[in-house]
Amino acid sequence: MKKLISKEERIVELLRFGFPEAFIENIGNIPELSGRVENVNGAYFYLPKISNYQILNNQSITPIFDSGESFYVLATDDNSARILHFELENDEIYTDYGKNWKLLLMDIMSTYFDDKIDDYITVAQFVDVGSKVGFKEAEGLFKLKNLALEDYNAKYDDHEKWRIALATELGIL
Protein backbone atom coordinates (compact mmCIF):
# COMPACT_ATOMS: atom_id res chain seq x y z
CA MET A 1 0.00 0.00 0.00
CA LYS A 2 1.39 3.34 -1.02
CA LYS A 3 -0.80 5.44 1.28
CA LEU A 4 -3.77 5.08 3.62
CA ILE A 5 -5.97 8.15 3.19
CA SER A 6 -6.58 9.71 6.60
CA LYS A 7 -9.97 9.78 8.29
CA GLU A 8 -9.98 13.55 7.83
CA GLU A 9 -9.44 13.29 4.05
CA ARG A 10 -11.66 10.22 3.58
CA ILE A 11 -15.00 11.99 3.12
CA VAL A 12 -13.58 14.43 0.57
CA GLU A 13 -12.07 11.54 -1.42
CA LEU A 14 -15.32 9.55 -1.43
CA LEU A 15 -17.39 12.58 -2.44
CA ARG A 16 -14.90 13.41 -5.18
CA PHE A 17 -15.24 9.85 -6.47
CA GLY A 18 -19.02 10.30 -6.68
CA PHE A 19 -20.48 8.48 -3.70
CA PRO A 20 -23.76 10.03 -2.49
CA GLU A 21 -23.38 12.28 0.54
CA ALA A 22 -26.26 10.47 2.27
CA PHE A 23 -24.36 7.19 2.04
CA ILE A 24 -21.13 8.61 3.42
CA GLU A 25 -22.91 10.39 6.28
CA ASN A 26 -24.91 7.30 7.25
CA ILE A 27 -22.16 4.67 7.22
CA GLY A 28 -22.35 2.87 10.55
CA ASN A 29 -25.62 4.61 11.48
CA ILE A 30 -28.23 2.54 9.65
CA PRO A 31 -29.79 0.07 12.11
CA GLU A 32 -31.25 -2.03 9.29
CA LEU A 33 -27.73 -2.58 7.92
CA SER A 34 -26.03 -3.14 11.25
CA GLY A 35 -23.14 -5.56 10.81
CA ARG A 36 -23.22 -5.05 7.04
CA VAL A 37 -22.29 -1.39 6.61
CA GLU A 38 -20.19 -0.34 9.59
CA ASN A 39 -17.85 2.54 10.30
CA VAL A 40 -14.23 2.25 9.25
CA ASN A 41 -12.50 1.92 12.62
CA GLY A 42 -11.50 -1.67 11.83
CA ALA A 43 -10.05 -0.63 8.48
CA TYR A 44 -7.87 2.02 10.06
CA PHE A 45 -6.70 -0.49 12.64
CA TYR A 46 -6.03 -3.46 10.32
CA LEU A 47 -5.03 -1.95 6.96
CA PRO A 48 -1.63 -0.70 8.16
CA LYS A 49 -0.93 -4.25 9.42
CA ILE A 50 -1.73 -5.80 6.03
CA SER A 51 -0.18 -3.10 3.84
CA ASN A 52 1.94 -5.80 2.17
CA TYR A 53 -1.08 -7.47 0.55
CA GLN A 54 -0.51 -7.82 -3.19
CA ILE A 55 -4.01 -6.45 -3.92
CA LEU A 56 -3.04 -3.20 -2.17
CA ASN A 57 0.36 -2.91 -3.86
CA ASN A 58 1.17 0.63 -5.06
CA GLN A 59 -2.36 1.83 -4.24
CA SER A 60 -3.62 4.73 -2.17
CA ILE A 61 -6.42 3.26 -0.07
CA THR A 62 -9.52 5.10 1.12
CA PRO A 63 -11.71 2.96 3.41
CA ILE A 64 -15.38 3.11 2.43
CA PHE A 65 -16.93 0.86 5.08
CA ASP A 66 -16.31 -2.27 7.10
CA SER A 67 -18.49 -5.37 7.14
CA GLY A 68 -17.26 -7.66 9.88
CA GLU A 69 -13.78 -8.72 8.80
CA SER A 70 -14.41 -7.56 5.24
CA PHE A 71 -13.37 -4.20 3.93
CA TYR A 72 -14.70 -2.08 1.10
CA VAL A 73 -12.11 0.40 -0.09
CA LEU A 74 -11.40 2.82 -2.88
CA ALA A 75 -8.02 1.90 -4.35
CA THR A 76 -6.34 4.50 -6.52
CA ASP A 77 -3.05 4.92 -8.29
CA ASP A 78 -1.78 7.35 -10.91
CA ASN A 79 -3.84 5.74 -13.68
CA SER A 80 -6.94 4.20 -12.15
CA ALA A 81 -9.46 4.07 -9.36
CA ARG A 82 -11.61 1.13 -8.35
CA ILE A 83 -13.77 -0.09 -5.51
CA LEU A 84 -12.58 -3.35 -3.96
CA HIS A 85 -14.04 -5.77 -1.46
CA PHE A 86 -11.69 -8.13 0.37
CA GLU A 87 -11.33 -9.88 3.72
CA LEU A 88 -8.79 -9.68 6.47
CA GLU A 89 -6.16 -12.43 6.30
CA ASN A 90 -6.91 -13.14 2.66
CA ASP A 91 -4.91 -11.42 -0.06
CA GLU A 92 -7.66 -11.88 -2.62
CA ILE A 93 -10.21 -9.52 -4.14
CA TYR A 94 -13.75 -10.86 -3.70
CA THR A 95 -15.45 -8.15 -5.71
CA ASP A 96 -13.95 -5.55 -8.01
CA TYR A 97 -16.61 -2.93 -8.71
CA GLY A 98 -14.38 -0.85 -10.92
CA LYS A 99 -15.69 2.70 -10.68
CA ASN A 100 -19.33 1.62 -10.33
CA TRP A 101 -20.39 2.78 -6.87
CA LYS A 102 -24.06 2.32 -7.86
CA LEU A 103 -23.41 -1.41 -8.25
CA LEU A 104 -21.96 -1.48 -4.74
CA LEU A 105 -25.07 0.26 -3.39
CA MET A 106 -27.28 -2.17 -5.31
CA ASP A 107 -25.40 -5.09 -3.72
CA ILE A 108 -25.90 -3.58 -0.26
CA MET A 109 -29.63 -3.21 -0.89
CA SER A 110 -29.90 -6.68 -2.48
CA THR A 111 -28.27 -8.23 0.56
CA TYR A 112 -30.67 -6.31 2.81
CA PHE A 113 -33.62 -7.64 0.79
CA ASP A 114 -32.22 -11.19 0.90
CA ASP A 115 -31.73 -10.93 4.68
CA LYS A 116 -35.38 -9.92 5.06
CA ILE A 117 -36.86 -12.49 2.64
CA ASP A 118 -38.46 -14.45 5.50
CA ASP A 119 -39.75 -11.30 7.19
CA TYR A 120 -42.37 -9.05 5.79
CA ILE A 121 -40.79 -5.90 4.44
CA THR A 122 -42.73 -3.23 2.63
CA VAL A 123 -41.57 -1.27 -0.36
CA ALA A 124 -41.75 1.86 1.84
CA GLN A 125 -39.37 0.34 4.40
CA PHE A 126 -37.01 -0.76 1.64
CA VAL A 127 -37.07 2.66 -0.04
CA ASP A 128 -36.40 4.29 3.35
CA VAL A 129 -33.20 2.26 3.78
CA GLY A 130 -32.35 2.99 0.14
CA SER A 131 -32.58 6.72 0.82
CA LYS A 132 -30.19 6.33 3.76
CA VAL A 133 -27.58 4.85 1.42
CA GLY A 134 -28.37 7.18 -1.45
CA PHE A 135 -29.68 4.39 -3.68
CA LYS A 136 -32.34 6.04 -5.85
CA GLU A 137 -33.23 2.79 -7.59
CA ALA A 138 -34.50 1.13 -4.37
CA GLU A 139 -38.15 0.95 -5.43
CA GLY A 140 -37.24 -0.57 -8.78
CA LEU A 141 -34.94 -3.12 -7.14
CA PHE A 142 -37.65 -4.07 -4.66
CA LYS A 143 -40.14 -4.70 -7.47
CA LEU A 144 -37.63 -6.80 -9.41
CA LYS A 145 -36.70 -8.93 -6.38
CA ASN A 146 -40.14 -9.20 -4.76
CA LEU A 147 -41.12 -12.45 -6.46
CA ALA A 148 -43.03 -15.52 -5.42
CA LEU A 149 -40.71 -17.64 -3.28
CA GLU A 150 -40.23 -20.39 -5.87
CA ASP A 151 -39.43 -17.82 -8.59
CA TYR A 152 -37.04 -16.02 -6.23
CA ASN A 153 -35.29 -19.30 -5.36
CA ALA A 154 -35.01 -20.28 -9.03
CA LYS A 155 -33.38 -16.95 -9.91
CA TYR A 156 -31.17 -17.05 -6.80
CA ASP A 157 -29.75 -20.42 -7.91
CA ASP A 158 -27.76 -18.50 -10.51
CA HIS A 159 -27.12 -15.50 -8.29
CA GLU A 160 -24.45 -13.80 -10.40
CA LYS A 161 -26.52 -14.00 -13.59
CA TRP A 162 -29.53 -12.55 -11.74
CA ARG A 163 -27.36 -9.81 -10.20
CA ILE A 164 -26.19 -8.74 -13.66
CA ALA A 165 -29.76 -8.85 -15.01
CA LEU A 166 -31.00 -6.68 -12.11
CA ALA A 167 -28.18 -4.15 -12.58
CA THR A 168 -28.85 -4.02 -16.31
CA GLU A 169 -32.61 -3.57 -15.81
CA LEU A 170 -31.97 -0.74 -13.35
CA GLY A 171 -29.51 0.98 -15.71
CA ILE A 172 -26.57 0.43 -13.37
CA LEU A 173 -24.57 -1.66 -15.85
C-alpha atoms as a PDB file:
ATOM      1  CA  MET A   1       0.000   0.000   0.000  1.00  0.00           C
ATOM      2  CA  LYS A   2       1.387   3.339  -1.025  1.00  0.00           C
ATOM      3  CA  LYS A   3      -0.799   5.444   1.276  1.00  0.00           C
ATOM      4  CA  LEU A   4      -3.766   5.082   3.618  1.00  0.00           C
ATOM      5  CA  ILE A   5      -5.973   8.146   3.194  1.00  0.00           C
ATOM      6  CA  SER A   6      -6.578   9.714   6.605  1.00  0.00           C
ATOM      7  CA  LYS A   7      -9.972   9.784   8.288  1.00  0.00           C
ATOM      8  CA  GLU A   8      -9.976  13.554   7.832  1.00  0.00           C
ATOM      9  CA  GLU A   9      -9.438  13.285   4.048  1.00  0.00           C
ATOM     10  CA  ARG A  10     -11.661  10.220   3.578  1.00  0.00           C
ATOM     11  CA  ILE A  11     -15.004  11.986   3.121  1.00  0.00           C
ATOM     12  CA  VAL A  12     -13.583  14.432   0.572  1.00  0.00           C
ATOM     13  CA  GLU A  13     -12.068  11.540  -1.424  1.00  0.00           C
ATOM     14  CA  LEU A  14     -15.319   9.551  -1.428  1.00  0.00           C
ATOM     15  CA  LEU A  15     -17.395  12.576  -2.441  1.00  0.00           C
ATOM     16  CA  ARG A  16     -14.905  13.413  -5.184  1.00  0.00           C
ATOM     17  CA  PHE A  17     -15.240   9.852  -6.472  1.00  0.00           C
ATOM     18  CA  GLY A  18     -19.024  10.297  -6.679  1.00  0.00           C
ATOM     19  CA  PHE A  19     -20.480   8.476  -3.695  1.00  0.00           C
ATOM     20  CA  PRO A  20     -23.755  10.028  -2.486  1.00  0.00           C
ATOM     21  CA  GLU A  21     -23.377  12.282   0.536  1.00  0.00           C
ATOM     22  CA  ALA A  22     -26.258  10.468   2.275  1.00  0.00           C
ATOM     23  CA  PHE A  23     -24.363   7.188   2.044  1.00  0.00           C
ATOM     24  CA  ILE A  24     -21.133   8.605   3.423  1.00  0.00           C
ATOM     25  CA  GLU A  25     -22.905  10.386   6.284  1.00  0.00           C
ATOM     26  CA  ASN A  26     -24.907   7.302   7.252  1.00  0.00           C
ATOM     27  CA  ILE A  27     -22.161   4.667   7.219  1.00  0.00           C
ATOM     28  CA  GLY A  28     -22.352   2.866  10.552  1.00  0.00           C
ATOM     29  CA  ASN A  29     -25.623   4.607  11.483  1.00  0.00           C
ATOM     30  CA  ILE A  30     -28.234   2.538   9.647  1.00  0.00           C
ATOM     31  CA  PRO A  31     -29.789   0.072  12.112  1.00  0.00           C
ATOM     32  CA  GLU A  32     -31.245  -2.030   9.289  1.00  0.00           C
ATOM     33  CA  LEU A  33     -27.735  -2.580   7.920  1.00  0.00           C
ATOM     34  CA  SER A  34     -26.030  -3.141  11.253  1.00  0.00           C
ATOM     35  CA  GLY A  35     -23.144  -5.557  10.812  1.00  0.00           C
ATOM     36  CA  ARG A  36     -23.221  -5.051   7.037  1.00  0.00           C
ATOM     37  CA  VAL A  37     -22.292  -1.388   6.612  1.00  0.00           C
ATOM     38  CA  GLU A  38     -20.193  -0.343   9.592  1.00  0.00           C
ATOM     39  CA  ASN A  39     -17.849   2.538  10.304  1.00  0.00           C
ATOM     40  CA  VAL A  40     -14.232   2.255   9.252  1.00  0.00           C
ATOM     41  CA  ASN A  41     -12.501   1.922  12.617  1.00  0.00           C
ATOM     42  CA  GLY A  42     -11.500  -1.666  11.830  1.00  0.00           C
ATOM     43  CA  ALA A  43     -10.049  -0.635   8.484  1.00  0.00           C
ATOM     44  CA  TYR A  44      -7.872   2.022  10.057  1.00  0.00           C
ATOM     45  CA  PHE A  45      -6.695  -0.492  12.635  1.00  0.00           C
ATOM     46  CA  TYR A  46      -6.030  -3.457  10.316  1.00  0.00           C
ATOM     47  CA  LEU A  47      -5.034  -1.954   6.959  1.00  0.00           C
ATOM     48  CA  PRO A  48      -1.626  -0.704   8.157  1.00  0.00           C
ATOM     49  CA  LYS A  49      -0.929  -4.246   9.424  1.00  0.00           C
ATOM     50  CA  ILE A  50      -1.727  -5.799   6.026  1.00  0.00           C
ATOM     51  CA  SER A  51      -0.179  -3.102   3.836  1.00  0.00           C
ATOM     52  CA  ASN A  52       1.943  -5.796   2.175  1.00  0.00           C
ATOM     53  CA  TYR A  53      -1.084  -7.466   0.547  1.00  0.00           C
ATOM     54  CA  GLN A  54      -0.512  -7.816  -3.193  1.00  0.00           C
ATOM     55  CA  ILE A  55      -4.007  -6.453  -3.916  1.00  0.00           C
ATOM     56  CA  LEU A  56      -3.044  -3.198  -2.174  1.00  0.00           C
ATOM     57  CA  ASN A  57       0.363  -2.908  -3.856  1.00  0.00           C
ATOM     58  CA  ASN A  58       1.171   0.629  -5.058  1.00  0.00           C
ATOM     59  CA  GLN A  59      -2.355   1.828  -4.237  1.00  0.00           C
ATOM     60  CA  SER A  60      -3.620   4.730  -2.166  1.00  0.00           C
ATOM     61  CA  ILE A  61      -6.420   3.265  -0.074  1.00  0.00           C
ATOM     62  CA  THR A  62      -9.525   5.100   1.120  1.00  0.00           C
ATOM     63  CA  PRO A  63     -11.706   2.958   3.408  1.00  0.00           C
ATOM     64  CA  ILE A  64     -15.383   3.113   2.430  1.00  0.00           C
ATOM     65  CA  PHE A  65     -16.933   0.858   5.078  1.00  0.00           C
ATOM     66  CA  ASP A  66     -16.310  -2.273   7.104  1.00  0.00           C
ATOM     67  CA  SER A  67     -18.486  -5.366   7.138  1.00  0.00           C
ATOM     68  CA  GLY A  68     -17.263  -7.659   9.878  1.00  0.00           C
ATOM     69  CA  GLU A  69     -13.779  -8.719   8.799  1.00  0.00           C
ATOM     70  CA  SER A  70     -14.410  -7.557   5.237  1.00  0.00           C
ATOM     71  CA  PHE A  71     -13.368  -4.203   3.928  1.00  0.00           C
ATOM     72  CA  TYR A  72     -14.700  -2.084   1.099  1.00  0.00           C
ATOM     73  CA  VAL A  73     -12.108   0.397  -0.091  1.00  0.00           C
ATOM     74  CA  LEU A  74     -11.404   2.818  -2.879  1.00  0.00           C
ATOM     75  CA  ALA A  75      -8.022   1.903  -4.350  1.00  0.00           C
ATOM     76  CA  THR A  76      -6.344   4.504  -6.524  1.00  0.00           C
ATOM     77  CA  ASP A  77      -3.047   4.920  -8.291  1.00  0.00           C
ATOM     78  CA  ASP A  78      -1.784   7.352 -10.913  1.00  0.00           C
ATOM     79  CA  ASN A  79      -3.839   5.739 -13.679  1.00  0.00           C
ATOM     80  CA  SER A  80      -6.937   4.200 -12.146  1.00  0.00           C
ATOM     81  CA  ALA A  81      -9.457   4.067  -9.355  1.00  0.00           C
ATOM     82  CA  ARG A  82     -11.607   1.125  -8.345  1.00  0.00           C
ATOM     83  CA  ILE A  83     -13.771  -0.089  -5.512  1.00  0.00           C
ATOM     84  CA  LEU A  84     -12.584  -3.345  -3.965  1.00  0.00           C
ATOM     85  CA  HIS A  85     -14.036  -5.775  -1.459  1.00  0.00           C
ATOM     86  CA  PHE A  86     -11.686  -8.127   0.368  1.00  0.00           C
ATOM     87  CA  GLU A  87     -11.329  -9.875   3.717  1.00  0.00           C
ATOM     88  CA  LEU A  88      -8.788  -9.679   6.469  1.00  0.00           C
ATOM     89  CA  GLU A  89      -6.159 -12.432   6.296  1.00  0.00           C
ATOM     90  CA  ASN A  90      -6.912 -13.145   2.656  1.00  0.00           C
ATOM     91  CA  ASP A  91      -4.907 -11.417  -0.063  1.00  0.00           C
ATOM     92  CA  GLU A  92      -7.658 -11.876  -2.622  1.00  0.00           C
ATOM     93  CA  ILE A  93     -10.214  -9.524  -4.141  1.00  0.00           C
ATOM     94  CA  TYR A  94     -13.749 -10.855  -3.699  1.00  0.00           C
ATOM     95  CA  THR A  95     -15.447  -8.153  -5.713  1.00  0.00           C
ATOM     96  CA  ASP A  96     -13.947  -5.545  -8.007  1.00  0.00           C
ATOM     97  CA  TYR A  97     -16.614  -2.927  -8.706  1.00  0.00           C
ATOM     98  CA  GLY A  98     -14.379  -0.851 -10.916  1.00  0.00           C
ATOM     99  CA  LYS A  99     -15.688   2.704 -10.677  1.00  0.00           C
ATOM    100  CA  ASN A 100     -19.326   1.619 -10.328  1.00  0.00           C
ATOM    101  CA  TRP A 101     -20.388   2.780  -6.872  1.00  0.00           C
ATOM    102  CA  LYS A 102     -24.059   2.322  -7.862  1.00  0.00           C
ATOM    103  CA  LEU A 103     -23.412  -1.406  -8.252  1.00  0.00           C
ATOM    104  CA  LEU A 104     -21.961  -1.479  -4.741  1.00  0.00           C
ATOM    105  CA  LEU A 105     -25.065   0.259  -3.391  1.00  0.00           C
ATOM    106  CA  MET A 106     -27.276  -2.175  -5.308  1.00  0.00           C
ATOM    107  CA  ASP A 107     -25.396  -5.087  -3.724  1.00  0.00           C
ATOM    108  CA  ILE A 108     -25.902  -3.579  -0.259  1.00  0.00           C
ATOM    109  CA  MET A 109     -29.633  -3.214  -0.895  1.00  0.00           C
ATOM    110  CA  SER A 110     -29.904  -6.678  -2.479  1.00  0.00           C
ATOM    111  CA  THR A 111     -28.272  -8.229   0.565  1.00  0.00           C
ATOM    112  CA  TYR A 112     -30.669  -6.306   2.806  1.00  0.00           C
ATOM    113  CA  PHE A 113     -33.616  -7.637   0.787  1.00  0.00           C
ATOM    114  CA  ASP A 114     -32.222 -11.186   0.897  1.00  0.00           C
ATOM    115  CA  ASP A 115     -31.728 -10.927   4.677  1.00  0.00           C
ATOM    116  CA  LYS A 116     -35.382  -9.922   5.055  1.00  0.00           C
ATOM    117  CA  ILE A 117     -36.859 -12.494   2.643  1.00  0.00           C
ATOM    118  CA  ASP A 118     -38.456 -14.450   5.500  1.00  0.00           C
ATOM    119  CA  ASP A 119     -39.749 -11.296   7.190  1.00  0.00           C
ATOM    120  CA  TYR A 120     -42.372  -9.054   5.792  1.00  0.00           C
ATOM    121  CA  ILE A 121     -40.787  -5.900   4.444  1.00  0.00           C
ATOM    122  CA  THR A 122     -42.726  -3.226   2.633  1.00  0.00           C
ATOM    123  CA  VAL A 123     -41.566  -1.273  -0.359  1.00  0.00           C
ATOM    124  CA  ALA A 124     -41.746   1.860   1.838  1.00  0.00           C
ATOM    125  CA  GLN A 125     -39.372   0.338   4.395  1.00  0.00           C
ATOM    126  CA  PHE A 126     -37.012  -0.758   1.637  1.00  0.00           C
ATOM    127  CA  VAL A 127     -37.073   2.659  -0.035  1.00  0.00           C
ATOM    128  CA  ASP A 128     -36.405   4.295   3.348  1.00  0.00           C
ATOM    129  CA  VAL A 129     -33.204   2.255   3.777  1.00  0.00           C
ATOM    130  CA  GLY A 130     -32.346   2.994   0.142  1.00  0.00           C
ATOM    131  CA  SER A 131     -32.581   6.722   0.820  1.00  0.00           C
ATOM    132  CA  LYS A 132     -30.187   6.329   3.763  1.00  0.00           C
ATOM    133  CA  VAL A 133     -27.581   4.845   1.424  1.00  0.00           C
ATOM    134  CA  GLY A 134     -28.365   7.185  -1.449  1.00  0.00           C
ATOM    135  CA  PHE A 135     -29.676   4.390  -3.678  1.00  0.00           C
ATOM    136  CA  LYS A 136     -32.338   6.040  -5.846  1.00  0.00           C
ATOM    137  CA  GLU A 137     -33.233   2.791  -7.593  1.00  0.00           C
ATOM    138  CA  ALA A 138     -34.499   1.129  -4.374  1.00  0.00           C
ATOM    139  CA  GLU A 139     -38.149   0.948  -5.426  1.00  0.00           C
ATOM    140  CA  GLY A 140     -37.241  -0.575  -8.784  1.00  0.00           C
ATOM    141  CA  LEU A 141     -34.940  -3.117  -7.145  1.00  0.00           C
ATOM    142  CA  PHE A 142     -37.648  -4.070  -4.658  1.00  0.00           C
ATOM    143  CA  LYS A 143     -40.136  -4.696  -7.466  1.00  0.00           C
ATOM    144  CA  LEU A 144     -37.625  -6.802  -9.406  1.00  0.00           C
ATOM    145  CA  LYS A 145     -36.699  -8.925  -6.384  1.00  0.00           C
ATOM    146  CA  ASN A 146     -40.136  -9.202  -4.765  1.00  0.00           C
ATOM    147  CA  LEU A 147     -41.122 -12.449  -6.460  1.00  0.00           C
ATOM    148  CA  ALA A 148     -43.034 -15.521  -5.417  1.00  0.00           C
ATOM    149  CA  LEU A 149     -40.706 -17.643  -3.278  1.00  0.00           C
ATOM    150  CA  GLU A 150     -40.231 -20.395  -5.866  1.00  0.00           C
ATOM    151  CA  ASP A 151     -39.432 -17.821  -8.587  1.00  0.00           C
ATOM    152  CA  TYR A 152     -37.043 -16.024  -6.225  1.00  0.00           C
ATOM    153  CA  ASN A 153     -35.286 -19.295  -5.357  1.00  0.00           C
ATOM    154  CA  ALA A 154     -35.009 -20.278  -9.026  1.00  0.00           C
ATOM    155  CA  LYS A 155     -33.376 -16.954  -9.910  1.00  0.00           C
ATOM    156  CA  TYR A 156     -31.166 -17.047  -6.801  1.00  0.00           C
ATOM    157  CA  ASP A 157     -29.750 -20.416  -7.909  1.00  0.00           C
ATOM    158  CA  ASP A 158     -27.759 -18.496 -10.509  1.00  0.00           C
ATOM    159  CA  HIS A 159     -27.120 -15.504  -8.285  1.00  0.00           C
ATOM    160  CA  GLU A 160     -24.453 -13.797 -10.404  1.00  0.00           C
ATOM    161  CA  LYS A 161     -26.525 -14.003 -13.592  1.00  0.00           C
ATOM    162  CA  TRP A 162     -29.532 -12.553 -11.737  1.00  0.00           C
ATOM    163  CA  ARG A 163     -27.360  -9.808 -10.201  1.00  0.00           C
ATOM    164  CA  ILE A 164     -26.192  -8.741 -13.661  1.00  0.00           C
ATOM    165  CA  ALA A 165     -29.758  -8.854 -15.010  1.00  0.00           C
ATOM    166  CA  LEU A 166     -30.997  -6.683 -12.111  1.00  0.00           C
ATOM    167  CA  ALA A 167     -28.184  -4.151 -12.584  1.00  0.00           C
ATOM    168  CA  THR A 168     -28.850  -4.018 -16.314  1.00  0.00           C
ATOM    169  CA  GLU A 169     -32.609  -3.568 -15.814  1.00  0.00           C
ATOM    170  CA  LEU A 170     -31.970  -0.743 -13.347  1.00  0.00           C
ATOM    171  CA  GLY A 171     -29.512   0.978 -15.710  1.00  0.00           C
ATOM    172  CA  ILE A 172     -26.567   0.428 -13.370  1.00  0.00           C
ATOM    173  CA  LEU A 173     -24.566  -1.662 -15.845  1.00  0.00           C
END
